[in-house]
Every structure is written in C-alpha cells, then in structure tokens.
C-alpha cells in the first residue's frame, strides 16, 4: 500500500471505503512506529535523567567490588532538574499576554462598517444633546460647532472600540484561561517541561460533537509518531501522525462504545492486554517493562502503580489530496503562471482523514475529518489536529537540555563518587609503636597496655620501663598519615564548581536565578542573572510561546466549528463579579483570528521596569497614585500599559476640556467686563436717583417742619386771641353786674355773641 500514490489513484469517494481506510491506518502505524523506535528509546533515557534515574549497568564497572570493597555506590546528583524547575517557576510567576485580532478582509470590512455606524451614532447623540441645550439657552457660547462634535465622537469610539469578532474571541480566551477542567497554566508548565527534557511537545484539540466546547489534550511525546519535513518546527505540518495511547477496556467502552458493533464489543473484551501480549512475545520479566507502554517498571520505580489491563489505542491522521474542477482560464489569470504552461481543469485540495485502531483488529471512527478549519488565506490547505513544536535547529533534531548536559552529569556523578570514597576510606595522622617495648606494668593483656599508653599519651605522659626485657631494643619506627589531603578535596570541589558553571552556560540558567545568592545581593544578582540569561533563554521561551499561540488558535478554530449552528452563553469571573458572554455564530464562526503572545524572557524584566517607573511617576505627580496601586496587582505589561494609557487619555481629555473651559471662561470674562461696565452705569444712575430721593425727602421734612411751625404759631395766636376774648367777656359781664346793681334797668349781655 502506497499512501503517496493513493492521492492520484484513489478517488475522493473511494477514500471513504473501509478497505482504503484500514490499509492506510495499518501502513502508517507500521511505518511511523518503526521509524521512531530509536527516537522513543532516547526520549525514555532523557526522562530518566530528568527524574534522577540512571541505568544501573551504565557505570557498573565502578561499583563492582573486585575484592576491594568500595563502601559507596554511584549516586545521581541532579544538576538540570533544578534549573528546569527554576524556568517553570519563572513561568508560574508571570502571566502571558494574549491578544486576539481579526486578520481576514471580510471581518475587517464588516468591523469597519460597525465602527462607522458607532461613530455616526455618537455624532447623532451629541447633536440631540446640543439641540436640547440650544432650546434651553439661546447662547452661542454654550453651543459646540460640528467639527468639535465629530472629533469627540471619533475619539470616544477609537478609545473604547472593540469589534464584536475580537470581543468574542477574547472572551473565549479568558474563559479557557479560567476553566478548571482545562487548567491552561498547568498545560504551559507541562509544555515547558517537555521542551526542556525531550526537546518537543505536542497536543491535540478536537471537539467530540457540535454544540460543545473542545478540550485540549496534552500528548506524551514518547508515544507520538510523525514525519515532520526537515526544517519545519510545527508538528501540524506533518503529513501523517500516530498517537499511541494505552487505555483500559472500560475506558475504551466509555469513549467509543457507541460506535462499536456487537461483534467488536465481544472482540474487545476477549483481547489480550498489552502486558499479556508483551510477555507472550518476549518472555521479559515484569520488572523490566517500561511504564510509558502502560506497564510496570522495575525496582527503581516501585512507588509507581500501573493498571496491568491496558490495550494499545492508535489515533491516526493523514493528509490526502483530492481534486476538484476549476476554470483554467480564470485560474491562470489569477495565478503566477507564465510562459507556455497550461492550467488543466482540476486543482487539488488537502483533506484530513483519521481513524482509530484498538489492538490489531478493531477499527473505529474512520473517514474524512469533520472538524477541519480552513483559512481564507489558503482554503485548499489544511493541517492535522495534532500540533506542537520542536525545539530544534535546522537539522531537525530536537534540542534537549537534559541530553546536552548528560556528559557533564556523568562527570559530576563520577567526581562525587570518587570524592566520597576517598573520604570514606581516609584515616588520621599517627605514629608506629614497638609492641615489645610497651610497659608490662600497665597490664597483662597487650590491647589493655596499648590503650593505656594511648590514654596516657593524650595526658602528656609517655611511660618507659628501662629494666624491662627488650627495652634496649626500643626505637621509633616513624610516623604515618592516612588522612586525605585538603588540597585533593579542594581540587575535586573546584572541578565540580567548574562543571556546574558549564551547565549554567549551556542551559542559560544561572545560580542567581535559582536563588543561590546572599540576601544582601538578592536584588542586584537576580536582576543581573535574569538579564544575562534572558538572551540565552529567549529562543527557549519563544518556542513555548509558539505552543501557547498554536493551542489558543486551535481552541478558537475548533470552537468556531463546533458552535457554527448554536448560540451559547458562558459565564466567567471578572473584577466586579461574574459576567456572561454569548457566542453568536454569525459574528464568530466565519472570522480568522491572529493571536499575539509576549515572550516571558523579556516580559518579566519589562514588567519590573515599568512598575518601578510608574512608582516614580506617581511620586512626581505625573499620574494618579491610584493607578500606581493598580499596577502593583497587574500581571502583564499590556495590562499596565492599558491602565496608564487610559489614565493619560483621561488626563489629556481633561486637559482639553479644561482648555476649552478656559477659552469659554476668557470669553465670559470679556462679556462679564462689558456687563460690569453697564452695571456700573446703572449703579451710578441708581445712586443719583437715591441721592435725589434723599434730597426730596429732606425738603419734604423741611416743608413738614415749616408747616408744623406755622400751624403751631397759628394755634398759639388763636389761643392768645381766645384768652383775650374771654377776658373781655368776663370784664363785660362784671361791668354789667355792676351796672345792674346801680340802675337795675340794664339789659343782659348775650355771651353767644362772643363765641
């Protein structure tokens, strides 16, 4: 079976037949698994080195006794794991910056129309407000001109505008980030570990059915087989791929039982498990079986417990070309075709096919893939649902930090082995004693006398019996030194330090990044360590960013496929509590997106520099101190920039508003001066009127006084006259009385005549 020839010899209809699909699955599994057997074995060794497990046979010649009896075994001292853990820790401390933007022409045109409508709506709303102001106040100062209204509406829209395509995708990215089932941050750590340990990582995003969000699945690189062309980094560009997964029969039943016939179900539960098949074929003891095959491991991994009832499940995908009719003349006019070349009536489109094989005989879910996302830039091209990235150079071999430092790891372990053996076998400085000359008066037993001589020697006493037989033969037989020289240990430790420095140069992770520094130098050393290693690690983190970007892109694309016919509402947590967003297919499922991810290698240093700068701006009063406090909680550079830009935009807008108000105030001041001048004239007139009124009042008072005085004079005159009159009347009456008494003939005086 030749999958390459099948593209032109097998029609699209025939590619849906079970014979073609099963043959393609068997051929791809047989070829790819065989080709990658050595690669898989190498990855197993890389994992063991990262886990601190050494092949016991690798340096067995050092630990064999050979009658010598070495007191120690060759130990494994991990030198790369802590460095990789430091990189993962740096990843945990920093949040990636994800931005989603629309890149296809159709969505951009639609977004521009929406934006223009938003601007027009803003202009119309301001016209309505100005019309109300004009009706209330017939004052030209309070009215805005049309240019100002248009400018404000554009600025407001530009500042707050997010088209519905980007908004839908950004909401979805945020939802995936917070989803507890996906654990996006943990996936990042797994990707970073895989890239550092085995030089590549892989994942798969494939929804199970329409109307449901897809969930990413991280793949174990050791069980993933593919044929990536030379010079390529993205695994999705492979033409064929197989992922070998080990599952129990119950898991297989739960996952694909609804697709299996009764005959397949019976065959499933009558199959031999991987362990049974492996033992029958090889006769290898259980303790030697690799756990990555779903089996048990030997004594070095007794803490692991694996289910022994596993079946091999092969997930297979491949790209096949299918032809379709075109207009040769129209195609030639559009394509870069020159000379006498002719364009035939057929063009070839890439389609993705897939299938699952359980064991060696059960085939499920075979055929052309349903969830295939095509870009408007090149609709004839498609990719595998498997994706990932190789951390490799141009020759295509993955670069593993663990494998590149294996030789240094071996040298460190061997040096430590010899150093510890030297220490274990070392003794002390001493002198040789003539046993025959030991004083016998110290005891009858030889060992007793020897111990007493040693004890007295510590007290500064060296007893001698010159009468003892053989004392004349006593002489000094020299000293000895069984202690290990300090220079030897110092030399070995210096070698170990140099080897450790070499590991730092290769990996780009310095001791400062791992915290191996003094407290007083913490700030400066950490900063220096990050700066010195950032260039070395930038390419490393860039590859991890590529994986995250590919993962988010695949999640959005597969969501567009699964949600193309249904509207769904999702809830996520925001700064002000939970908020909901709705996926609307007509605004989401036909758009192409581009995801921008900022590399962590320079994100961390930028984040620290920006935070320090903002604190300085806040101290100088350039920005509001509240913004400085908000930036302390920010996890990304873009979040801080957005906060500061909004603050500066608001301040700029406030300054422009203040400027306009100042201009209006100047104009009002001029008008106010005119009004004040008029008011002064009015005040002067009013003052004159008041002065006149006061003069009139004074004259009135004077006239009233004169009248009163005249009246008083008249009253006084009349009173005097009345008194005089009454006096005259009294006098006449008196005279009358006198006259009557004299003549008795006088007539009576009528007093009424005088009244």
Foldseek 3Di string as FASTA:
>chain_A
DDQVVCQPVPAQVRCFDPVNQLVVVVVQCVPQCVVCVVLLVVLVCLVCLLVQHDDCPPPVVVVDCPVPCQPDDQGFDRQCNLLLVLVLVLLVQFDWDKFKDFDDPVLVVVQVVVLVVQLVVQLVVVVVVQVVVCVVDVDPLPHDDSVVSSVVSNVVCVLPPDGPQRVLLVVVVQCLCPDPVQVVSVVLSVQLVCCQRSQKWKKFWADPFFPDFTHIGTADVSQKTFDDDFQDWKRQNTQKIKGKDKDALVVCCVPCVVFDDPVVNVVSVVDAAPVVVVCVVPVDDQQPDDCVNQGHHHPVPPVDDGDRRIWIKMKMKGKHKHKDFDDFVVVVVPDPDDDPDGDDGIDIAIWMWIWMDIHSDDIGDTDTDDQWFADPVDRRDTTDSMIITGCDDRRPRRDHLSVVLVVLSVVLSVLVSVVVSLQVQFDAKWFDFDLLFQDPVQDPDSVSSVVVQVVVVVVVDHDGDCVDPPSVVGDGPGIDGRHDDPVVVVVSVVVSVVSSVVSCVSQLQDVLSSVPDDPVCNVVSVVVSLVSSLVVCQSSQVSSVVRVQVVSQSSLSSNLSSCLPHKDKDWDADPVGIDIDIDDNVSHNPTHMGMDIDGSSVFVVVLVVVLVVVVVCCVVVVFPVVLSVVSVPDNTPVVNVSSVVVRVVVVVVVVVVVVSVVVSVVVVVVVVVVVVVVVVVVVVVVVVVVVVVVVVVVVVVVVVVVVVVVVVVVVVVVVVVVVVLVVVVVVVQVVVVVVCVVPVPDDHDDCVVSD
